[in-house]
Amino acid sequence: MNSDEQLVKTCLQGDSQAFEELAVKYQNKIYALAYRYMGNEEDAYDMAQEAFIKAYRSLRSFKGDSSFGTWMYRIATNVCLDELRKRKRRVLTLSLDEPLATRDGDEVEKEIADTAPTADIIYEQKELSQYIQQVLGEMKPDHKVTIVLRDIMDLTYEEIAQVLDCSIGTVKSRLSRARDSLRKKLSERELLP
């Protein structure tokens, strides 16, 4: 199997089959990343496809400073964030006071259920998030980066080993220690009033 760098060079020489090999290699990872951002399969599929199109069009800008996979993650992340920003700007305004017309020509008053979390739940979630961030900040850098790459970025042990330039055993060991530390801190916090 060709290395990513060889496939990029071959693709730049006009062989689009080389890019297909890269796409097949990374499609599941890019889809998984897009799914984390978008929250549903259809949007994740669209964003992953858009990321590969963008990568193909800008392949000449790939300098090899990072791995092809890292470059693709960056493109996919930017594509998802751009789409989420666009959606945020496209907020549709509806009047809650205007009745809705039915198919029969009748009008009914709008009844909207409040599905938003209550203030105490929001506060607890924010407080927990801040506490987890604080605990991560107190961890050894090796443990912190390992838990972020595995549990937040969802990279495989092999990918983490490549990123950190260490063995898979070291990755597993650091991850186990990081999770134990986080678990211990969270259980201590639950005991506090």
N, C-alpha and C. Protein backbone atom coordinates (compact mmCIF):
# COMPACT_ATOMS: atom_id res chain seq x y z
N MET A 1 0.84 -1.18 0.00
CA MET A 1 0.00 0.00 0.00
C MET A 1 0.88 1.24 0.00
N ASN A 2 0.50 2.21 -0.76
CA ASN A 2 1.28 3.45 -0.87
C ASN A 2 1.10 4.32 0.37
N SER A 3 2.14 5.07 0.70
CA SER A 3 2.03 6.00 1.81
C SER A 3 1.17 7.18 1.36
N ASP A 4 0.64 7.92 2.33
CA ASP A 4 -0.20 9.08 2.02
C ASP A 4 0.56 10.08 1.15
N GLU A 5 1.82 10.31 1.50
CA GLU A 5 2.62 11.29 0.76
C GLU A 5 2.80 10.85 -0.70
N GLN A 6 3.04 9.55 -0.91
CA GLN A 6 3.18 9.02 -2.27
C GLN A 6 1.87 9.18 -3.05
N LEU A 7 0.77 8.92 -2.37
CA LEU A 7 -0.54 9.05 -3.02
C LEU A 7 -0.81 10.51 -3.39
N VAL A 8 -0.43 11.44 -2.52
CA VAL A 8 -0.62 12.87 -2.83
C VAL A 8 0.20 13.24 -4.06
N LYS A 9 1.46 12.82 -4.09
CA LYS A 9 2.32 13.13 -5.25
C LYS A 9 1.73 12.54 -6.53
N THR A 10 1.28 11.30 -6.46
CA THR A 10 0.71 10.64 -7.63
C THR A 10 -0.55 11.37 -8.10
N CYS A 11 -1.36 11.79 -7.16
CA CYS A 11 -2.58 12.53 -7.50
C CYS A 11 -2.24 13.85 -8.16
N LEU A 12 -1.23 14.55 -7.64
CA LEU A 12 -0.82 15.83 -8.21
C LEU A 12 -0.25 15.67 -9.63
N GLN A 13 0.18 14.45 -9.94
CA GLN A 13 0.68 14.17 -11.28
C GLN A 13 -0.45 13.77 -12.24
N GLY A 14 -1.69 13.84 -11.75
CA GLY A 14 -2.84 13.61 -12.62
C GLY A 14 -3.58 12.30 -12.41
N ASP A 15 -3.18 11.49 -11.45
CA ASP A 15 -3.84 10.21 -11.21
C ASP A 15 -4.90 10.38 -10.12
N SER A 16 -6.16 10.56 -10.52
CA SER A 16 -7.23 10.78 -9.54
C SER A 16 -7.53 9.52 -8.73
N GLN A 17 -7.12 8.36 -9.22
CA GLN A 17 -7.31 7.11 -8.47
C GLN A 17 -6.55 7.17 -7.14
N ALA A 18 -5.42 7.87 -7.13
CA ALA A 18 -4.63 7.99 -5.90
C ALA A 18 -5.43 8.73 -4.83
N PHE A 19 -6.17 9.76 -5.24
CA PHE A 19 -6.98 10.49 -4.25
C PHE A 19 -8.13 9.61 -3.76
N GLU A 20 -8.66 8.79 -4.63
CA GLU A 20 -9.71 7.86 -4.20
C GLU A 20 -9.20 6.94 -3.10
N GLU A 21 -7.95 6.48 -3.24
CA GLU A 21 -7.36 5.63 -2.20
C GLU A 21 -7.29 6.37 -0.87
N LEU A 22 -6.89 7.64 -0.93
CA LEU A 22 -6.83 8.45 0.28
C LEU A 22 -8.22 8.63 0.88
N ALA A 23 -9.20 8.90 0.03
CA ALA A 23 -10.57 9.11 0.49
C ALA A 23 -11.10 7.84 1.17
N VAL A 24 -10.86 6.70 0.57
CA VAL A 24 -11.32 5.44 1.16
C VAL A 24 -10.64 5.22 2.52
N LYS A 25 -9.37 5.54 2.59
CA LYS A 25 -8.61 5.34 3.83
C LYS A 25 -9.15 6.22 4.97
N TYR A 26 -9.56 7.45 4.66
CA TYR A 26 -9.96 8.40 5.69
C TYR A 26 -11.46 8.65 5.79
N GLN A 27 -12.27 8.04 4.93
CA GLN A 27 -13.68 8.37 4.90
C GLN A 27 -14.40 8.13 6.23
N ASN A 28 -14.13 7.03 6.90
CA ASN A 28 -14.81 6.74 8.17
C ASN A 28 -14.40 7.72 9.26
N LYS A 29 -13.13 8.07 9.31
CA LYS A 29 -12.66 8.99 10.34
C LYS A 29 -13.22 10.39 10.12
N ILE A 30 -13.25 10.83 8.86
CA ILE A 30 -13.76 12.16 8.56
C ILE A 30 -15.27 12.20 8.80
N TYR A 31 -15.96 11.13 8.44
CA TYR A 31 -17.40 11.06 8.71
C TYR A 31 -17.65 11.13 10.22
N ALA A 32 -16.88 10.37 10.99
CA ALA A 32 -17.06 10.36 12.45
C ALA A 32 -16.83 11.75 13.04
N LEU A 33 -15.81 12.43 12.55
CA LEU A 33 -15.54 13.79 13.02
C LEU A 33 -16.71 14.71 12.66
N ALA A 34 -17.18 14.62 11.42
CA ALA A 34 -18.30 15.46 10.98
C ALA A 34 -19.56 15.14 11.79
N TYR A 35 -19.77 13.89 12.11
CA TYR A 35 -20.94 13.50 12.89
C TYR A 35 -20.90 14.13 14.28
N ARG A 36 -19.71 14.21 14.86
CA ARG A 36 -19.57 14.83 16.19
C ARG A 36 -19.98 16.30 16.14
N TYR A 37 -19.64 16.97 15.05
CA TYR A 37 -19.99 18.39 14.91
C TYR A 37 -21.46 18.58 14.56
N MET A 38 -21.95 17.79 13.59
CA MET A 38 -23.27 18.05 13.02
C MET A 38 -24.41 17.37 13.77
N GLY A 39 -24.13 16.24 14.38
CA GLY A 39 -25.14 15.59 15.21
C GLY A 39 -26.13 14.69 14.48
N ASN A 40 -26.02 14.57 13.15
CA ASN A 40 -26.90 13.63 12.45
C ASN A 40 -26.17 13.08 11.23
N GLU A 41 -26.65 11.93 10.77
CA GLU A 41 -25.96 11.20 9.72
C GLU A 41 -25.94 11.95 8.39
N GLU A 42 -27.08 12.51 8.00
CA GLU A 42 -27.17 13.17 6.69
C GLU A 42 -26.22 14.36 6.59
N ASP A 43 -26.25 15.22 7.61
CA ASP A 43 -25.35 16.38 7.60
C ASP A 43 -23.89 15.95 7.68
N ALA A 44 -23.63 14.92 8.47
CA ALA A 44 -22.25 14.43 8.60
C ALA A 44 -21.75 13.91 7.26
N TYR A 45 -22.60 13.19 6.55
CA TYR A 45 -22.23 12.69 5.23
C TYR A 45 -21.94 13.85 4.28
N ASP A 46 -22.82 14.85 4.28
CA ASP A 46 -22.63 16.02 3.40
C ASP A 46 -21.34 16.76 3.73
N MET A 47 -21.07 16.95 5.02
CA MET A 47 -19.87 17.69 5.42
C MET A 47 -18.60 16.90 5.10
N ALA A 48 -18.66 15.58 5.28
CA ALA A 48 -17.50 14.74 4.94
C ALA A 48 -17.23 14.82 3.44
N GLN A 49 -18.28 14.75 2.65
CA GLN A 49 -18.13 14.84 1.20
C GLN A 49 -17.56 16.21 0.82
N GLU A 50 -18.07 17.26 1.44
CA GLU A 50 -17.58 18.62 1.16
C GLU A 50 -16.10 18.74 1.55
N ALA A 51 -15.71 18.12 2.65
CA ALA A 51 -14.31 18.17 3.09
C ALA A 51 -13.39 17.50 2.06
N PHE A 52 -13.82 16.36 1.52
CA PHE A 52 -12.99 15.68 0.52
C PHE A 52 -12.91 16.48 -0.78
N ILE A 53 -14.01 17.10 -1.16
CA ILE A 53 -13.99 17.94 -2.36
C ILE A 53 -13.03 19.10 -2.17
N LYS A 54 -13.12 19.73 -1.00
CA LYS A 54 -12.23 20.86 -0.70
C LYS A 54 -10.78 20.41 -0.66
N ALA A 55 -10.53 19.26 -0.09
CA ALA A 55 -9.17 18.73 -0.01
C ALA A 55 -8.63 18.46 -1.42
N TYR A 56 -9.45 17.88 -2.26
CA TYR A 56 -9.01 17.56 -3.63
C TYR A 56 -8.66 18.85 -4.38
N ARG A 57 -9.51 19.85 -4.22
CA ARG A 57 -9.28 21.12 -4.94
C ARG A 57 -8.05 21.87 -4.42
N SER A 58 -7.73 21.68 -3.16
CA SER A 58 -6.60 22.42 -2.60
C SER A 58 -5.41 21.51 -2.28
N LEU A 59 -5.34 20.37 -2.94
CA LEU A 59 -4.28 19.40 -2.68
C LEU A 59 -2.89 19.99 -2.88
N ARG A 60 -2.76 20.94 -3.81
CA ARG A 60 -1.45 21.57 -4.05
C ARG A 60 -0.97 22.35 -2.81
N SER A 61 -1.90 22.75 -1.96
CA SER A 61 -1.50 23.50 -0.76
C SER A 61 -1.02 22.59 0.36
N PHE A 62 -1.15 21.26 0.19
CA PHE A 62 -0.66 20.32 1.19
C PHE A 62 0.87 20.29 1.11
N LYS A 63 1.51 20.78 2.16
CA LYS A 63 2.97 20.90 2.17
C LYS A 63 3.67 19.72 2.83
N GLY A 64 2.92 18.91 3.54
CA GLY A 64 3.53 17.78 4.21
C GLY A 64 4.11 18.13 5.57
N ASP A 65 3.80 19.34 6.07
CA ASP A 65 4.28 19.73 7.41
C ASP A 65 3.66 18.84 8.48
N SER A 66 2.43 18.41 8.23
CA SER A 66 1.75 17.48 9.12
C SER A 66 1.35 16.28 8.26
N SER A 67 0.77 15.28 8.88
CA SER A 67 0.34 14.11 8.11
C SER A 67 -0.88 14.48 7.28
N PHE A 68 -1.15 13.69 6.26
CA PHE A 68 -2.32 13.93 5.43
C PHE A 68 -3.58 13.83 6.27
N GLY A 69 -3.61 12.88 7.20
CA GLY A 69 -4.77 12.71 8.08
C GLY A 69 -5.04 13.95 8.91
N THR A 70 -4.01 14.53 9.47
CA THR A 70 -4.16 15.75 10.27
C THR A 70 -4.67 16.89 9.40
N TRP A 71 -4.14 16.98 8.20
CA TRP A 71 -4.57 18.01 7.24
C TRP A 71 -6.06 17.83 6.92
N MET A 72 -6.49 16.58 6.71
CA MET A 72 -7.90 16.30 6.42
C MET A 72 -8.78 16.63 7.61
N TYR A 73 -8.32 16.30 8.83
CA TYR A 73 -9.09 16.65 10.03
C TYR A 73 -9.32 18.15 10.11
N ARG A 74 -8.26 18.90 9.81
CA ARG A 74 -8.36 20.36 9.86
C ARG A 74 -9.38 20.87 8.83
N ILE A 75 -9.33 20.34 7.62
CA ILE A 75 -10.28 20.75 6.57
C ILE A 75 -11.71 20.39 6.98
N ALA A 76 -11.91 19.16 7.47
CA ALA A 76 -13.25 18.73 7.87
C ALA A 76 -13.79 19.58 9.01
N THR A 77 -12.93 19.89 9.97
CA THR A 77 -13.34 20.74 11.09
C THR A 77 -13.77 22.11 10.58
N ASN A 78 -12.98 22.70 9.70
CA ASN A 78 -13.32 24.02 9.16
C ASN A 78 -14.62 23.99 8.35
N VAL A 79 -14.83 22.94 7.57
CA VAL A 79 -16.06 22.82 6.78
C VAL A 79 -17.27 22.75 7.71
N CYS A 80 -17.17 21.95 8.76
CA CYS A 80 -18.28 21.82 9.72
C CYS A 80 -18.54 23.13 10.45
N LEU A 81 -17.48 23.76 10.92
CA LEU A 81 -17.65 25.03 11.65
C LEU A 81 -18.24 26.11 10.74
N ASP A 82 -17.81 26.15 9.49
CA ASP A 82 -18.37 27.12 8.53
C ASP A 82 -19.87 26.89 8.35
N GLU A 83 -20.25 25.63 8.19
CA GLU A 83 -21.67 25.31 8.00
C GLU A 83 -22.48 25.68 9.24
N LEU A 84 -21.95 25.38 10.41
CA LEU A 84 -22.67 25.72 11.64
C LEU A 84 -22.82 27.24 11.79
N ARG A 85 -21.79 27.99 11.39
CA ARG A 85 -21.90 29.46 11.43
C ARG A 85 -22.97 29.95 10.47
N LYS A 86 -23.00 29.37 9.26
CA LYS A 86 -24.02 29.76 8.28
C LYS A 86 -25.42 29.50 8.82
N ARG A 87 -25.60 28.36 9.43
CA ARG A 87 -26.91 28.01 9.97
C ARG A 87 -27.33 28.95 11.09
N LYS A 88 -26.37 29.35 11.88
CA LYS A 88 -26.67 30.26 12.97
C LYS A 88 -27.17 31.60 12.45
N ARG A 89 -26.62 32.03 11.31
CA ARG A 89 -27.04 33.31 10.71
C ARG A 89 -28.40 33.20 10.06
N ARG A 90 -28.80 31.99 9.66
CA ARG A 90 -30.07 31.80 8.97
C ARG A 90 -31.21 31.52 9.94
N VAL A 91 -31.28 32.22 11.01
CA VAL A 91 -32.34 32.00 11.99
C VAL A 91 -33.65 32.53 11.43
N LEU A 92 -34.65 31.69 11.43
CA LEU A 92 -35.96 32.06 10.92
C LEU A 92 -36.77 32.66 12.05
N THR A 93 -37.35 33.82 11.82
CA THR A 93 -38.15 34.46 12.86
C THR A 93 -39.62 34.21 12.58
N LEU A 94 -40.31 33.71 13.57
CA LEU A 94 -41.73 33.45 13.50
C LEU A 94 -42.41 34.17 14.64
N SER A 95 -43.60 34.64 14.38
CA SER A 95 -44.37 35.27 15.44
C SER A 95 -45.07 34.18 16.23
N LEU A 96 -44.93 34.22 17.52
CA LEU A 96 -45.60 33.24 18.37
C LEU A 96 -47.06 33.61 18.58
N ASP A 97 -47.40 34.86 18.29
CA ASP A 97 -48.77 35.33 18.50
C ASP A 97 -49.70 34.99 17.34
N GLU A 98 -49.15 34.84 16.14
CA GLU A 98 -49.98 34.56 14.98
C GLU A 98 -50.44 33.11 15.01
N PRO A 99 -51.75 32.87 14.76
CA PRO A 99 -52.24 31.49 14.73
C PRO A 99 -51.77 30.78 13.46
N LEU A 100 -51.80 29.47 13.49
CA LEU A 100 -51.44 28.65 12.34
C LEU A 100 -52.69 28.25 11.57
N ALA A 101 -52.59 28.25 10.25
CA ALA A 101 -53.71 27.83 9.42
C ALA A 101 -53.64 26.32 9.21
N THR A 102 -54.77 25.65 9.33
CA THR A 102 -54.83 24.21 9.08
C THR A 102 -55.23 23.97 7.63
N ARG A 103 -55.21 22.72 7.21
CA ARG A 103 -55.60 22.38 5.84
C ARG A 103 -57.09 22.68 5.59
N ASP A 104 -57.87 22.61 6.64
CA ASP A 104 -59.31 22.86 6.51
C ASP A 104 -59.62 24.35 6.45
N GLY A 105 -58.62 25.19 6.61
CA GLY A 105 -58.85 26.64 6.59
C GLY A 105 -59.10 27.22 7.97
N ASP A 106 -59.12 26.36 8.99
CA ASP A 106 -59.29 26.83 10.36
C ASP A 106 -57.96 27.38 10.87
N GLU A 107 -58.04 28.06 11.98
CA GLU A 107 -56.83 28.57 12.61
C GLU A 107 -56.72 28.00 14.01
N VAL A 108 -55.49 27.65 14.38
CA VAL A 108 -55.24 27.15 15.73
C VAL A 108 -54.12 27.95 16.37
N GLU A 109 -54.21 28.10 17.67
CA GLU A 109 -53.17 28.81 18.41
C GLU A 109 -51.94 27.92 18.52
N LYS A 110 -50.80 28.53 18.49
CA LYS A 110 -49.54 27.78 18.62
C LYS A 110 -49.34 27.39 20.08
N GLU A 111 -48.95 26.15 20.25
CA GLU A 111 -48.57 25.68 21.58
C GLU A 111 -47.17 25.13 21.45
N ILE A 112 -46.25 25.75 22.11
CA ILE A 112 -44.86 25.36 21.99
C ILE A 112 -44.37 24.85 23.33
N ALA A 113 -43.93 23.61 23.31
CA ALA A 113 -43.41 23.02 24.54
C ALA A 113 -42.02 23.58 24.82
N ASP A 114 -41.75 23.84 26.06
CA ASP A 114 -40.44 24.34 26.45
C ASP A 114 -39.53 23.13 26.69
N THR A 115 -38.66 22.88 25.72
CA THR A 115 -37.74 21.73 25.83
C THR A 115 -36.37 22.13 26.35
N ALA A 116 -36.21 23.41 26.62
CA ALA A 116 -34.91 23.89 27.10
C ALA A 116 -34.65 23.36 28.50
N PRO A 117 -33.39 23.06 28.78
CA PRO A 117 -33.08 22.62 30.14
C PRO A 117 -33.34 23.75 31.14
N THR A 118 -33.69 23.36 32.33
CA THR A 118 -33.96 24.36 33.36
C THR A 118 -32.66 25.02 33.80
N ALA A 119 -32.80 26.15 34.47
CA ALA A 119 -31.63 26.92 34.89
C ALA A 119 -30.70 26.10 35.78
N ASP A 120 -31.26 25.29 36.67
CA ASP A 120 -30.40 24.50 37.57
C ASP A 120 -29.63 23.43 36.80
N ILE A 121 -30.25 22.85 35.77
CA ILE A 121 -29.55 21.84 34.97
C ILE A 121 -28.44 22.51 34.16
N ILE A 122 -28.73 23.65 33.58
CA ILE A 122 -27.71 24.39 32.82
C ILE A 122 -26.54 24.73 33.73
N TYR A 123 -26.85 25.20 34.92
CA TYR A 123 -25.80 25.57 35.88
C TYR A 123 -24.95 24.35 36.24
N GLU A 124 -25.61 23.22 36.52
CA GLU A 124 -24.88 22.01 36.89
C GLU A 124 -23.98 21.54 35.73
N GLN A 125 -24.52 21.57 34.50
CA GLN A 125 -23.73 21.15 33.34
C GLN A 125 -22.53 22.06 33.14
N LYS A 126 -22.76 23.36 33.28
CA LYS A 126 -21.66 24.32 33.11
C LYS A 126 -20.61 24.12 34.20
N GLU A 127 -21.09 23.94 35.42
CA GLU A 127 -20.17 23.74 36.54
C GLU A 127 -19.35 22.46 36.36
N LEU A 128 -20.00 21.38 35.91
CA LEU A 128 -19.30 20.12 35.67
C LEU A 128 -18.28 20.28 34.54
N SER A 129 -18.70 20.96 33.49
CA SER A 129 -17.80 21.19 32.35
C SER A 129 -16.57 21.98 32.79
N GLN A 130 -16.78 23.01 33.59
CA GLN A 130 -15.66 23.81 34.09
C GLN A 130 -14.76 22.98 34.99
N TYR A 131 -15.37 22.13 35.81
CA TYR A 131 -14.59 21.29 36.71
C TYR A 131 -13.74 20.29 35.92
N ILE A 132 -14.34 19.69 34.89
CA ILE A 132 -13.59 18.74 34.05
C ILE A 132 -12.44 19.47 33.37
N GLN A 133 -12.70 20.67 32.87
CA GLN A 133 -11.64 21.45 32.23
C GLN A 133 -10.53 21.76 33.24
N GLN A 134 -10.91 22.07 34.47
CA GLN A 134 -9.93 22.35 35.52
C GLN A 134 -9.09 21.11 35.81
N VAL A 135 -9.75 19.95 35.93
CA VAL A 135 -9.04 18.70 36.19
C VAL A 135 -8.09 18.38 35.04
N LEU A 136 -8.56 18.58 33.81
CA LEU A 136 -7.69 18.34 32.65
C LEU A 136 -6.48 19.27 32.70
N GLY A 137 -6.70 20.51 33.11
CA GLY A 137 -5.61 21.47 33.21
C GLY A 137 -4.57 21.09 34.25
N GLU A 138 -4.99 20.35 35.27
CA GLU A 138 -4.08 19.94 36.34
C GLU A 138 -3.33 18.64 36.01
N MET A 139 -3.76 17.95 34.95
CA MET A 139 -3.12 16.68 34.58
C MET A 139 -1.75 16.92 33.97
N LYS A 140 -0.93 15.86 34.00
CA LYS A 140 0.33 15.91 33.28
C LYS A 140 0.01 16.13 31.80
N PRO A 141 0.82 16.91 31.11
CA PRO A 141 0.54 17.17 29.68
C PRO A 141 0.37 15.91 28.84
N ASP A 142 1.20 14.87 29.11
CA ASP A 142 1.08 13.62 28.36
C ASP A 142 -0.27 12.95 28.57
N HIS A 143 -0.77 13.00 29.80
CA HIS A 143 -2.06 12.38 30.10
C HIS A 143 -3.20 13.20 29.49
N LYS A 144 -3.09 14.51 29.61
CA LYS A 144 -4.13 15.40 29.09
C LYS A 144 -4.29 15.23 27.58
N VAL A 145 -3.18 15.29 26.85
CA VAL A 145 -3.27 15.19 25.39
C VAL A 145 -3.79 13.81 24.97
N THR A 146 -3.43 12.78 25.71
CA THR A 146 -3.88 11.43 25.38
C THR A 146 -5.39 11.31 25.56
N ILE A 147 -5.92 11.80 26.67
CA ILE A 147 -7.36 11.68 26.91
C ILE A 147 -8.15 12.55 25.94
N VAL A 148 -7.62 13.70 25.57
CA VAL A 148 -8.30 14.56 24.59
C VAL A 148 -8.33 13.89 23.22
N LEU A 149 -7.18 13.35 22.79
CA LEU A 149 -7.13 12.70 21.48
C LEU A 149 -8.03 11.47 21.41
N ARG A 150 -8.12 10.72 22.50
CA ARG A 150 -8.91 9.48 22.49
C ARG A 150 -10.40 9.75 22.74
N ASP A 151 -10.72 10.44 23.82
CA ASP A 151 -12.11 10.56 24.25
C ASP A 151 -12.86 11.75 23.65
N ILE A 152 -12.13 12.73 23.16
CA ILE A 152 -12.80 13.87 22.55
C ILE A 152 -12.65 13.83 21.04
N MET A 153 -11.43 13.59 20.55
CA MET A 153 -11.20 13.52 19.10
C MET A 153 -11.47 12.13 18.53
N ASP A 154 -11.60 11.13 19.41
CA ASP A 154 -11.96 9.77 19.01
C ASP A 154 -10.93 9.13 18.08
N LEU A 155 -9.64 9.44 18.27
CA LEU A 155 -8.59 8.81 17.48
C LEU A 155 -8.34 7.40 18.01
N THR A 156 -7.84 6.54 17.16
CA THR A 156 -7.49 5.18 17.57
C THR A 156 -6.17 5.22 18.34
N TYR A 157 -5.87 4.11 19.02
CA TYR A 157 -4.61 4.02 19.74
C TYR A 157 -3.43 4.19 18.78
N GLU A 158 -3.55 3.59 17.61
CA GLU A 158 -2.48 3.67 16.62
C GLU A 158 -2.24 5.12 16.18
N GLU A 159 -3.34 5.84 15.94
CA GLU A 159 -3.21 7.24 15.51
C GLU A 159 -2.59 8.09 16.63
N ILE A 160 -3.02 7.84 17.84
CA ILE A 160 -2.46 8.61 18.97
C ILE A 160 -0.97 8.31 19.11
N ALA A 161 -0.60 7.05 18.96
CA ALA A 161 0.82 6.68 19.04
C ALA A 161 1.62 7.42 17.97
N GLN A 162 1.05 7.56 16.78
CA GLN A 162 1.74 8.30 15.71
C GLN A 162 1.85 9.78 16.07
N VAL A 163 0.75 10.35 16.55
CA VAL A 163 0.76 11.78 16.89
C VAL A 163 1.77 12.07 17.99
N LEU A 164 1.81 11.21 19.01
CA LEU A 164 2.68 11.44 20.16
C LEU A 164 4.07 10.81 20.01
N ASP A 165 4.28 10.07 18.92
CA ASP A 165 5.55 9.42 18.65
C ASP A 165 5.97 8.52 19.81
N CYS A 166 5.04 7.62 20.18
CA CYS A 166 5.32 6.67 21.26
C CYS A 166 4.65 5.34 20.91
N SER A 167 4.83 4.36 21.76
CA SER A 167 4.25 3.04 21.49
C SER A 167 2.78 3.00 21.87
N ILE A 168 2.06 2.02 21.33
CA ILE A 168 0.64 1.85 21.66
C ILE A 168 0.49 1.52 23.14
N GLY A 169 1.42 0.75 23.68
CA GLY A 169 1.40 0.42 25.11
C GLY A 169 1.48 1.67 25.97
N THR A 170 2.33 2.61 25.57
CA THR A 170 2.46 3.87 26.30
C THR A 170 1.16 4.65 26.23
N VAL A 171 0.53 4.66 25.05
CA VAL A 171 -0.75 5.35 24.89
C VAL A 171 -1.79 4.76 25.84
N LYS A 172 -1.89 3.43 25.86
CA LYS A 172 -2.88 2.77 26.71
C LYS A 172 -2.61 3.05 28.19
N SER A 173 -1.36 3.04 28.55
CA SER A 173 -0.98 3.30 29.94
C SER A 173 -1.34 4.73 30.34
N ARG A 174 -0.98 5.71 29.50
CA ARG A 174 -1.29 7.11 29.80
C ARG A 174 -2.80 7.33 29.86
N LEU A 175 -3.53 6.71 28.94
CA LEU A 175 -4.97 6.87 28.90
C LEU A 175 -5.61 6.28 30.15
N SER A 176 -5.15 5.12 30.55
CA SER A 176 -5.68 4.48 31.76
C SER A 176 -5.44 5.36 32.98
N ARG A 177 -4.23 5.88 33.12
CA ARG A 177 -3.91 6.76 34.26
C ARG A 177 -4.73 8.04 34.22
N ALA A 178 -4.89 8.61 33.03
CA ALA A 178 -5.65 9.86 32.89
C ALA A 178 -7.11 9.63 33.26
N ARG A 179 -7.68 8.54 32.78
CA ARG A 179 -9.08 8.23 33.09
C ARG A 179 -9.27 7.95 34.57
N ASP A 180 -8.33 7.21 35.17
CA ASP A 180 -8.41 6.94 36.61
C ASP A 180 -8.36 8.24 37.40
N SER A 181 -7.47 9.13 37.02
CA SER A 181 -7.34 10.41 37.70
C SER A 181 -8.63 11.22 37.57
N LEU A 182 -9.17 11.28 36.37
CA LEU A 182 -10.41 12.02 36.14
C LEU A 182 -11.56 11.39 36.92
N ARG A 183 -11.67 10.08 36.88
CA ARG A 183 -12.73 9.37 37.61
C ARG A 183 -12.63 9.64 39.11
N LYS A 184 -11.40 9.60 39.65
CA LYS A 184 -11.18 9.83 41.07
C LYS A 184 -11.60 11.25 41.45
N LYS A 185 -11.19 12.23 40.65
CA LYS A 185 -11.55 13.63 40.93
C LYS A 185 -13.05 13.83 40.86
N LEU A 186 -13.71 13.21 39.89
CA LEU A 186 -15.16 13.36 39.76
C LEU A 186 -15.90 12.70 40.91
N SER A 187 -15.42 11.53 41.37
CA SER A 187 -16.08 10.89 42.49
C SER A 187 -15.85 11.66 43.78
N GLU A 188 -14.67 12.28 43.95
CA GLU A 188 -14.42 13.13 45.13
C GLU A 188 -15.36 14.33 45.11
N ARG A 189 -15.58 14.88 43.95
CA ARG A 189 -16.45 16.05 43.82
C ARG A 189 -17.89 15.71 44.20
N GLU A 190 -18.33 14.50 43.86
CA GLU A 190 -19.69 14.08 44.18
C GLU A 190 -19.91 13.98 45.69
N LEU A 191 -18.81 13.72 46.44
CA LEU A 191 -18.93 13.61 47.89
C LEU A 191 -19.01 14.96 48.57
N LEU A 192 -18.60 16.01 47.86
CA LEU A 192 -18.65 17.34 48.45
C LEU A 192 -20.09 17.83 48.50
N PRO A 193 -20.42 18.69 49.51
CA PRO A 193 -21.80 19.19 49.60
C PRO A 193 -22.14 20.11 48.46
